[in-house]
Amino acid sequence: MRVLVCDDNPMRHEMFVPLTWFGHVVVIASTVEASLEMLDKKGCGWDVVCLDHDFRGAIDDSDAPEEITGRALARRVVGMFIHPSLVVVHTANKRGGDVMMKLLLDANLNARREPLSNVFTR
């Protein structure tokens, strides 16, 4: 399984280390720019993409320009030629996460919203 984690919080990155023990590939992108680059990378074929909303250490970047938030990432996922099998929006930002989920679900993607701690336990 190939997992892309788009999140600026290093403590959340550690949650994915156990996946590597079982041979899964986990790629961490800590900025919106790096996340967009990984989403655009040809041949990656992401199975799971985990998206945060706030990338500046802010608690609520709902009013920030789209291009510096997870909204830009959700829009890019929607536009991908080959979609991931699962997109998880794990942000605690209610308004930002709601917008991201609407974008993903309106495009009929398999998306769910939940904390990272639940992602691989169901």
C-alpha atoms as a PDB file:
ATOM      1  CA  MET A   1       0.000   0.000   0.000  1.00  0.00           C
ATOM      2  CA  ARG A   2       1.235   3.514  -0.836  1.00  0.00           C
ATOM      3  CA  VAL A   3       0.187   6.172   1.669  1.00  0.00           C
ATOM      4  CA  LEU A   4       0.650   9.929   1.327  1.00  0.00           C
ATOM      5  CA  VAL A   5       0.304  11.905   4.548  1.00  0.00           C
ATOM      6  CA  CYS A   6      -0.144  15.659   4.051  1.00  0.00           C
ATOM      7  CA  ASP A   7       0.326  17.256   7.456  1.00  0.00           C
ATOM      8  CA  ASP A   8       2.696  19.749   9.074  1.00  0.00           C
ATOM      9  CA  ASN A   9       2.658  18.181  12.545  1.00  0.00           C
ATOM     10  CA  PRO A  10       5.652  15.851  13.118  1.00  0.00           C
ATOM     11  CA  MET A  11       3.893  14.117  16.013  1.00  0.00           C
ATOM     12  CA  ARG A  12       1.191  12.947  13.602  1.00  0.00           C
ATOM     13  CA  HIS A  13       3.838  11.630  11.215  1.00  0.00           C
ATOM     14  CA  GLU A  14       4.938   9.101  13.824  1.00  0.00           C
ATOM     15  CA  MET A  15       1.499   7.461  13.734  1.00  0.00           C
ATOM     16  CA  PHE A  16       2.378   5.996  10.331  1.00  0.00           C
ATOM     17  CA  VAL A  17       5.698   4.358  11.241  1.00  0.00           C
ATOM     18  CA  PRO A  18       4.052   0.999  12.081  1.00  0.00           C
ATOM     19  CA  LEU A  19       2.764   0.745   8.503  1.00  0.00           C
ATOM     20  CA  THR A  20       6.348   0.615   7.259  1.00  0.00           C
ATOM     21  CA  TRP A  21       7.015  -2.408   9.467  1.00  0.00           C
ATOM     22  CA  PHE A  22       4.598  -4.344   7.272  1.00  0.00           C
ATOM     23  CA  GLY A  23       6.177  -3.200   4.003  1.00  0.00           C
ATOM     24  CA  HIS A  24       3.846  -0.336   3.177  1.00  0.00           C
ATOM     25  CA  VAL A  25       5.307   2.826   1.666  1.00  0.00           C
ATOM     26  CA  VAL A  26       4.539   5.976   3.645  1.00  0.00           C
ATOM     27  CA  VAL A  27       5.478   9.385   2.252  1.00  0.00           C
ATOM     28  CA  ILE A  28       5.148  12.487   4.421  1.00  0.00           C
ATOM     29  CA  ALA A  29       4.596  15.928   2.927  1.00  0.00           C
ATOM     30  CA  SER A  30       4.810  18.693   5.534  1.00  0.00           C
ATOM     31  CA  THR A  31       3.808  21.695   3.435  1.00  0.00           C
ATOM     32  CA  VAL A  32       1.068  22.434   0.945  1.00  0.00           C
ATOM     33  CA  GLU A  33       3.711  22.870  -1.763  1.00  0.00           C
ATOM     34  CA  ALA A  34       5.348  19.513  -1.034  1.00  0.00           C
ATOM     35  CA  SER A  35       1.930  17.851  -0.846  1.00  0.00           C
ATOM     36  CA  LEU A  36       0.899  19.247  -4.230  1.00  0.00           C
ATOM     37  CA  GLU A  37       4.180  18.053  -5.708  1.00  0.00           C
ATOM     38  CA  MET A  38       3.651  14.522  -4.387  1.00  0.00           C
ATOM     39  CA  LEU A  39       0.044  14.456  -5.625  1.00  0.00           C
ATOM     40  CA  ASP A  40       1.271  15.497  -9.077  1.00  0.00           C
ATOM     41  CA  LYS A  41       4.093  12.961  -9.158  1.00  0.00           C
ATOM     42  CA  LYS A  42       3.511  10.567 -12.040  1.00  0.00           C
ATOM     43  CA  GLY A  43       3.439   6.883 -11.304  1.00  0.00           C
ATOM     44  CA  CYS A  44       2.920   7.168  -7.561  1.00  0.00           C
ATOM     45  CA  GLY A  45      -0.513   5.576  -7.575  1.00  0.00           C
ATOM     46  CA  TRP A  46      -1.457   6.540  -4.021  1.00  0.00           C
ATOM     47  CA  ASP A  47      -3.721   4.016  -2.322  1.00  0.00           C
ATOM     48  CA  VAL A  48      -4.488   6.278   0.626  1.00  0.00           C
ATOM     49  CA  VAL A  49      -4.112  10.044   0.916  1.00  0.00           C
ATOM     50  CA  CYS A  50      -4.492  11.684   4.341  1.00  0.00           C
ATOM     51  CA  LEU A  51      -5.199  15.413   4.259  1.00  0.00           C
ATOM     52  CA  ASP A  52      -4.920  18.071   6.918  1.00  0.00           C
ATOM     53  CA  HIS A  53      -6.366  21.565   6.435  1.00  0.00           C
ATOM     54  CA  ASP A  54      -4.192  23.946   8.463  1.00  0.00           C
ATOM     55  CA  PHE A  55      -0.517  24.022   7.491  1.00  0.00           C
ATOM     56  CA  ARG A  56       0.758  27.080   9.343  1.00  0.00           C
ATOM     57  CA  GLY A  57       0.449  25.769  12.859  1.00  0.00           C
ATOM     58  CA  ALA A  58      -2.839  27.626  13.127  1.00  0.00           C
ATOM     59  CA  ILE A  59      -5.842  26.238  14.907  1.00  0.00           C
ATOM     60  CA  ASP A  60      -8.327  27.549  12.353  1.00  0.00           C
ATOM     61  CA  ASP A  61      -7.202  28.623   8.897  1.00  0.00           C
ATOM     62  CA  SER A  62     -10.729  28.425   7.462  1.00  0.00           C
ATOM     63  CA  ASP A  63     -10.515  31.978   6.171  1.00  0.00           C
ATOM     64  CA  ALA A  64      -6.986  31.621   4.764  1.00  0.00           C
ATOM     65  CA  PRO A  65      -6.506  31.603   0.977  1.00  0.00           C
ATOM     66  CA  GLU A  66      -7.205  28.167  -0.485  1.00  0.00           C
ATOM     67  CA  GLU A  67      -3.711  27.788  -1.931  1.00  0.00           C
ATOM     68  CA  ILE A  68      -2.123  27.600   1.541  1.00  0.00           C
ATOM     69  CA  THR A  69      -4.592  25.098   3.023  1.00  0.00           C
ATOM     70  CA  GLY A  70      -5.794  21.562   2.568  1.00  0.00           C
ATOM     71  CA  ARG A  71      -8.602  22.858   0.368  1.00  0.00           C
ATOM     72  CA  ALA A  72      -6.039  23.167  -2.434  1.00  0.00           C
ATOM     73  CA  LEU A  73      -5.014  19.563  -1.800  1.00  0.00           C
ATOM     74  CA  ALA A  74      -8.580  18.270  -1.885  1.00  0.00           C
ATOM     75  CA  ARG A  75      -9.171  20.115  -5.150  1.00  0.00           C
ATOM     76  CA  ARG A  76      -5.984  18.570  -6.616  1.00  0.00           C
ATOM     77  CA  VAL A  77      -7.056  15.064  -5.558  1.00  0.00           C
ATOM     78  CA  VAL A  78     -10.398  15.605  -7.294  1.00  0.00           C
ATOM     79  CA  GLY A  79      -8.552  16.573 -10.480  1.00  0.00           C
ATOM     80  CA  MET A  80      -6.214  13.570 -10.500  1.00  0.00           C
ATOM     81  CA  PHE A  81      -6.462  11.178 -13.443  1.00  0.00           C
ATOM     82  CA  ILE A  82      -6.229   8.165 -11.120  1.00  0.00           C
ATOM     83  CA  HIS A  83      -7.837   8.716  -7.728  1.00  0.00           C
ATOM     84  CA  PRO A  84      -6.623   7.165  -4.484  1.00  0.00           C
ATOM     85  CA  SER A  85      -8.690   4.265  -3.158  1.00  0.00           C
ATOM     86  CA  LEU A  86      -9.321   6.248   0.021  1.00  0.00           C
ATOM     87  CA  VAL A  87      -8.960   9.897   1.014  1.00  0.00           C
ATOM     88  CA  VAL A  88      -9.031  10.690   4.723  1.00  0.00           C
ATOM     89  CA  VAL A  89      -9.593  14.254   5.875  1.00  0.00           C
ATOM     90  CA  HIS A  90      -8.151  14.271   9.377  1.00  0.00           C
ATOM     91  CA  THR A  91      -8.271  17.961  10.223  1.00  0.00           C
ATOM     92  CA  ALA A  92      -9.784  19.173  13.492  1.00  0.00           C
ATOM     93  CA  ASN A  93     -10.792  22.347  11.646  1.00  0.00           C
ATOM     94  CA  LYS A  94     -14.572  21.971  11.306  1.00  0.00           C
ATOM     95  CA  ARG A  95     -15.228  24.552   8.600  1.00  0.00           C
ATOM     96  CA  GLY A  96     -12.137  23.756   6.538  1.00  0.00           C
ATOM     97  CA  GLY A  97     -12.743  20.017   6.784  1.00  0.00           C
ATOM     98  CA  ASP A  98     -16.371  20.417   5.760  1.00  0.00           C
ATOM     99  CA  VAL A  99     -15.340  22.239   2.578  1.00  0.00           C
ATOM    100  CA  MET A 100     -12.734  19.579   1.792  1.00  0.00           C
ATOM    101  CA  MET A 101     -15.217  16.747   2.305  1.00  0.00           C
ATOM    102  CA  LYS A 102     -17.797  18.446   0.091  1.00  0.00           C
ATOM    103  CA  LEU A 103     -15.239  18.757  -2.729  1.00  0.00           C
ATOM    104  CA  LEU A 104     -14.262  15.094  -2.427  1.00  0.00           C
ATOM    105  CA  LEU A 105     -17.758  13.660  -2.039  1.00  0.00           C
ATOM    106  CA  ASP A 106     -19.202  15.802  -4.833  1.00  0.00           C
ATOM    107  CA  ALA A 107     -16.603  14.143  -7.083  1.00  0.00           C
ATOM    108  CA  ASN A 108     -17.767  10.699  -5.884  1.00  0.00           C
ATOM    109  CA  LEU A 109     -14.442   9.865  -4.256  1.00  0.00           C
ATOM    110  CA  ASN A 110     -14.192   7.373  -1.416  1.00  0.00           C
ATOM    111  CA  ALA A 111     -13.538   9.881   1.361  1.00  0.00           C
ATOM    112  CA  ARG A 112     -14.097   9.909   5.075  1.00  0.00           C
ATOM    113  CA  ARG A 113     -13.387  12.321   7.867  1.00  0.00           C
ATOM    114  CA  GLU A 114     -11.834  11.115  11.074  1.00  0.00           C
ATOM    115  CA  PRO A 115      -8.842  11.533  13.379  1.00  0.00           C
ATOM    116  CA  LEU A 116      -5.593   9.981  12.211  1.00  0.00           C
ATOM    117  CA  SER A 117      -5.652   7.669  15.209  1.00  0.00           C
ATOM    118  CA  ASN A 118      -8.695   5.939  13.665  1.00  0.00           C
ATOM    119  CA  VAL A 119      -7.512   5.743  10.060  1.00  0.00           C
ATOM    120  CA  PHE A 120      -6.124   2.219  10.075  1.00  0.00           C
ATOM    121  CA  THR A 121      -8.120   0.739  12.921  1.00  0.00           C
ATOM    122  CA  ARG A 122     -11.316   0.200  10.914  1.00  0.00           C
END
